[in-house]
């Protein structure tokens, strides 16, 4: 059984992945006519990718 600490990392990784998928699948397409929003979603996409990578590294360290 996983302790609560590892479960929290896995849970957060799931949330970050879901958020990243929505940004890539919908949000960026919906913002295609607004340069400010496109730039915002591109920045958020990069941030989420960084968060996912960091969480995955931490999870591997604990498993």
N, C-alpha and C. Protein backbone atom coordinates (compact mmCIF):
# COMPACT_ATOMS: atom_id res chain seq x y z
N UNK A 1 0.85 -1.18 0.00
CA UNK A 1 0.00 0.00 0.00
C UNK A 1 0.90 1.25 0.00
N UNK A 2 0.47 2.26 -0.73
CA UNK A 2 1.22 3.52 -0.79
C UNK A 2 0.90 4.38 0.43
N UNK A 3 1.91 5.07 0.89
CA UNK A 3 1.60 6.00 1.97
C UNK A 3 0.93 7.25 1.38
N UNK A 4 0.39 8.06 2.23
CA UNK A 4 -0.37 9.23 1.79
C UNK A 4 0.48 10.19 0.95
N UNK A 5 1.74 10.32 1.30
CA UNK A 5 2.65 11.21 0.59
C UNK A 5 2.78 10.82 -0.89
N UNK A 6 2.99 9.53 -1.15
CA UNK A 6 3.13 9.07 -2.54
C UNK A 6 1.79 9.15 -3.26
N UNK A 7 0.73 8.82 -2.56
CA UNK A 7 -0.60 8.95 -3.16
C UNK A 7 -0.86 10.39 -3.60
N UNK A 8 -0.48 11.35 -2.77
CA UNK A 8 -0.68 12.76 -3.12
C UNK A 8 0.09 13.13 -4.39
N UNK A 9 1.31 12.63 -4.51
CA UNK A 9 2.09 12.90 -5.73
C UNK A 9 1.40 12.32 -6.96
N UNK A 10 0.93 11.08 -6.83
CA UNK A 10 0.23 10.43 -7.95
C UNK A 10 -1.06 11.16 -8.30
N UNK A 11 -1.78 11.57 -7.29
CA UNK A 11 -3.03 12.29 -7.51
C UNK A 11 -2.78 13.62 -8.22
N UNK A 12 -1.76 14.34 -7.79
CA UNK A 12 -1.45 15.62 -8.41
C UNK A 12 -0.96 15.42 -9.84
N UNK A 13 -0.18 14.38 -10.08
CA UNK A 13 0.28 14.09 -11.44
C UNK A 13 -0.92 13.84 -12.36
N UNK A 14 -1.91 13.13 -11.86
CA UNK A 14 -3.12 12.88 -12.64
C UNK A 14 -3.82 14.18 -12.98
N UNK A 15 -3.95 15.06 -12.00
CA UNK A 15 -4.61 16.35 -12.24
C UNK A 15 -3.84 17.20 -13.24
N UNK A 16 -2.53 17.21 -13.13
CA UNK A 16 -1.70 17.98 -14.07
C UNK A 16 -1.82 17.43 -15.48
N UNK A 17 -1.82 16.11 -15.62
CA UNK A 17 -1.98 15.48 -16.93
C UNK A 17 -3.33 15.84 -17.55
N UNK A 18 -4.37 15.80 -16.76
CA UNK A 18 -5.71 16.14 -17.27
C UNK A 18 -5.76 17.60 -17.71
N UNK A 19 -5.20 18.47 -16.91
CA UNK A 19 -5.18 19.88 -17.25
C UNK A 19 -4.37 20.13 -18.52
N UNK A 20 -3.23 19.48 -18.63
CA UNK A 20 -2.40 19.62 -19.83
C UNK A 20 -3.15 19.13 -21.05
N UNK A 21 -3.85 18.02 -20.94
CA UNK A 21 -4.62 17.49 -22.07
C UNK A 21 -5.69 18.49 -22.51
N UNK A 22 -6.40 19.10 -21.55
CA UNK A 22 -7.44 20.08 -21.91
C UNK A 22 -6.84 21.30 -22.62
N UNK A 23 -5.69 21.75 -22.14
CA UNK A 23 -5.03 22.89 -22.78
C UNK A 23 -4.69 22.55 -24.23
N UNK A 24 -4.10 21.38 -24.43
CA UNK A 24 -3.68 20.97 -25.78
C UNK A 24 -4.86 20.66 -26.67
N UNK A 25 -5.88 20.02 -26.12
CA UNK A 25 -7.01 19.55 -26.92
C UNK A 25 -8.03 20.64 -27.24
N UNK A 26 -8.26 21.54 -26.30
CA UNK A 26 -9.36 22.49 -26.48
C UNK A 26 -8.97 23.95 -26.33
N UNK A 27 -8.34 24.28 -25.23
CA UNK A 27 -8.15 25.68 -24.88
C UNK A 27 -7.36 26.45 -25.93
N UNK A 28 -6.29 25.85 -26.42
CA UNK A 28 -5.47 26.54 -27.43
C UNK A 28 -6.25 26.72 -28.73
N UNK A 29 -7.04 25.73 -29.12
CA UNK A 29 -7.85 25.83 -30.34
C UNK A 29 -8.92 26.92 -30.18
N UNK A 30 -9.53 26.96 -29.02
CA UNK A 30 -10.59 27.94 -28.77
C UNK A 30 -10.06 29.37 -28.76
N UNK A 31 -8.78 29.53 -28.49
CA UNK A 31 -8.18 30.87 -28.39
C UNK A 31 -7.49 31.29 -29.68
N UNK A 32 -7.76 30.60 -30.77
CA UNK A 32 -7.00 30.82 -32.01
C UNK A 32 -7.09 32.25 -32.55
N UNK A 33 -8.11 33.02 -32.19
CA UNK A 33 -8.26 34.38 -32.72
C UNK A 33 -7.76 35.46 -31.76
N UNK A 34 -7.16 35.04 -30.66
CA UNK A 34 -6.69 36.01 -29.67
C UNK A 34 -5.22 35.73 -29.36
N UNK A 35 -4.36 36.61 -29.79
CA UNK A 35 -2.92 36.41 -29.60
C UNK A 35 -2.53 36.38 -28.12
N UNK A 36 -3.15 37.22 -27.31
CA UNK A 36 -2.85 37.24 -25.88
C UNK A 36 -3.21 35.90 -25.24
N UNK A 37 -4.37 35.39 -25.57
CA UNK A 37 -4.81 34.12 -25.00
C UNK A 37 -3.98 32.95 -25.52
N UNK A 38 -3.62 32.98 -26.78
CA UNK A 38 -2.76 31.93 -27.33
C UNK A 38 -1.42 31.91 -26.61
N UNK A 39 -0.87 33.06 -26.35
CA UNK A 39 0.40 33.15 -25.63
C UNK A 39 0.24 32.64 -24.19
N UNK A 40 -0.87 33.00 -23.56
CA UNK A 40 -1.13 32.53 -22.21
C UNK A 40 -1.21 31.01 -22.15
N UNK A 41 -1.98 30.41 -23.08
CA UNK A 41 -2.12 28.95 -23.08
C UNK A 41 -0.81 28.25 -23.42
N UNK A 42 -0.01 28.85 -24.28
CA UNK A 42 1.30 28.27 -24.59
C UNK A 42 2.19 28.26 -23.34
N UNK A 43 2.14 29.35 -22.58
CA UNK A 43 2.91 29.43 -21.34
C UNK A 43 2.41 28.41 -20.33
N UNK A 44 1.10 28.29 -20.20
CA UNK A 44 0.51 27.32 -19.28
C UNK A 44 0.87 25.89 -19.69
N UNK A 45 0.86 25.64 -20.98
CA UNK A 45 1.22 24.32 -21.48
C UNK A 45 2.65 23.96 -21.05
N UNK A 46 3.57 24.89 -21.23
CA UNK A 46 4.97 24.67 -20.84
C UNK A 46 5.06 24.46 -19.33
N UNK A 47 4.37 25.28 -18.56
CA UNK A 47 4.38 25.14 -17.10
C UNK A 47 3.87 23.76 -16.68
N UNK A 48 2.76 23.32 -17.28
CA UNK A 48 2.19 22.02 -16.93
C UNK A 48 3.14 20.89 -17.31
N UNK A 49 3.78 21.00 -18.48
CA UNK A 49 4.74 19.97 -18.88
C UNK A 49 5.88 19.89 -17.89
N UNK A 50 6.34 21.03 -17.40
CA UNK A 50 7.40 21.06 -16.39
C UNK A 50 6.93 20.43 -15.09
N UNK A 51 5.70 20.74 -14.68
CA UNK A 51 5.15 20.17 -13.45
C UNK A 51 5.02 18.66 -13.55
N UNK A 52 4.52 18.19 -14.69
CA UNK A 52 4.36 16.76 -14.91
C UNK A 52 5.72 16.06 -14.83
N UNK A 53 6.72 16.62 -15.49
CA UNK A 53 8.06 16.02 -15.48
C UNK A 53 8.62 15.97 -14.06
N UNK A 54 8.45 17.04 -13.31
CA UNK A 54 8.97 17.08 -11.95
C UNK A 54 8.24 16.07 -11.05
N UNK A 55 6.93 15.99 -11.20
CA UNK A 55 6.16 15.03 -10.41
C UNK A 55 6.56 13.60 -10.76
N UNK A 56 6.73 13.32 -12.05
CA UNK A 56 7.12 11.97 -12.46
C UNK A 56 8.47 11.60 -11.87
N UNK A 57 9.40 12.52 -11.85
CA UNK A 57 10.72 12.25 -11.26
C UNK A 57 10.59 11.97 -9.77
N UNK A 58 9.76 12.74 -9.09
CA UNK A 58 9.58 12.53 -7.65
C UNK A 58 8.90 11.20 -7.37
N UNK A 59 7.93 10.84 -8.18
CA UNK A 59 7.24 9.56 -8.00
C UNK A 59 8.21 8.41 -8.20
N UNK A 60 9.01 8.45 -9.24
CA UNK A 60 10.00 7.40 -9.49
C UNK A 60 10.95 7.25 -8.31
N UNK A 61 11.31 8.35 -7.72
CA UNK A 61 12.23 8.35 -6.58
C UNK A 61 11.62 7.62 -5.37
N UNK A 62 10.30 7.70 -5.23
CA UNK A 62 9.62 7.13 -4.07
C UNK A 62 9.08 5.73 -4.30
N UNK A 63 9.10 5.24 -5.53
CA UNK A 63 8.58 3.89 -5.78
C UNK A 63 9.68 2.88 -5.89
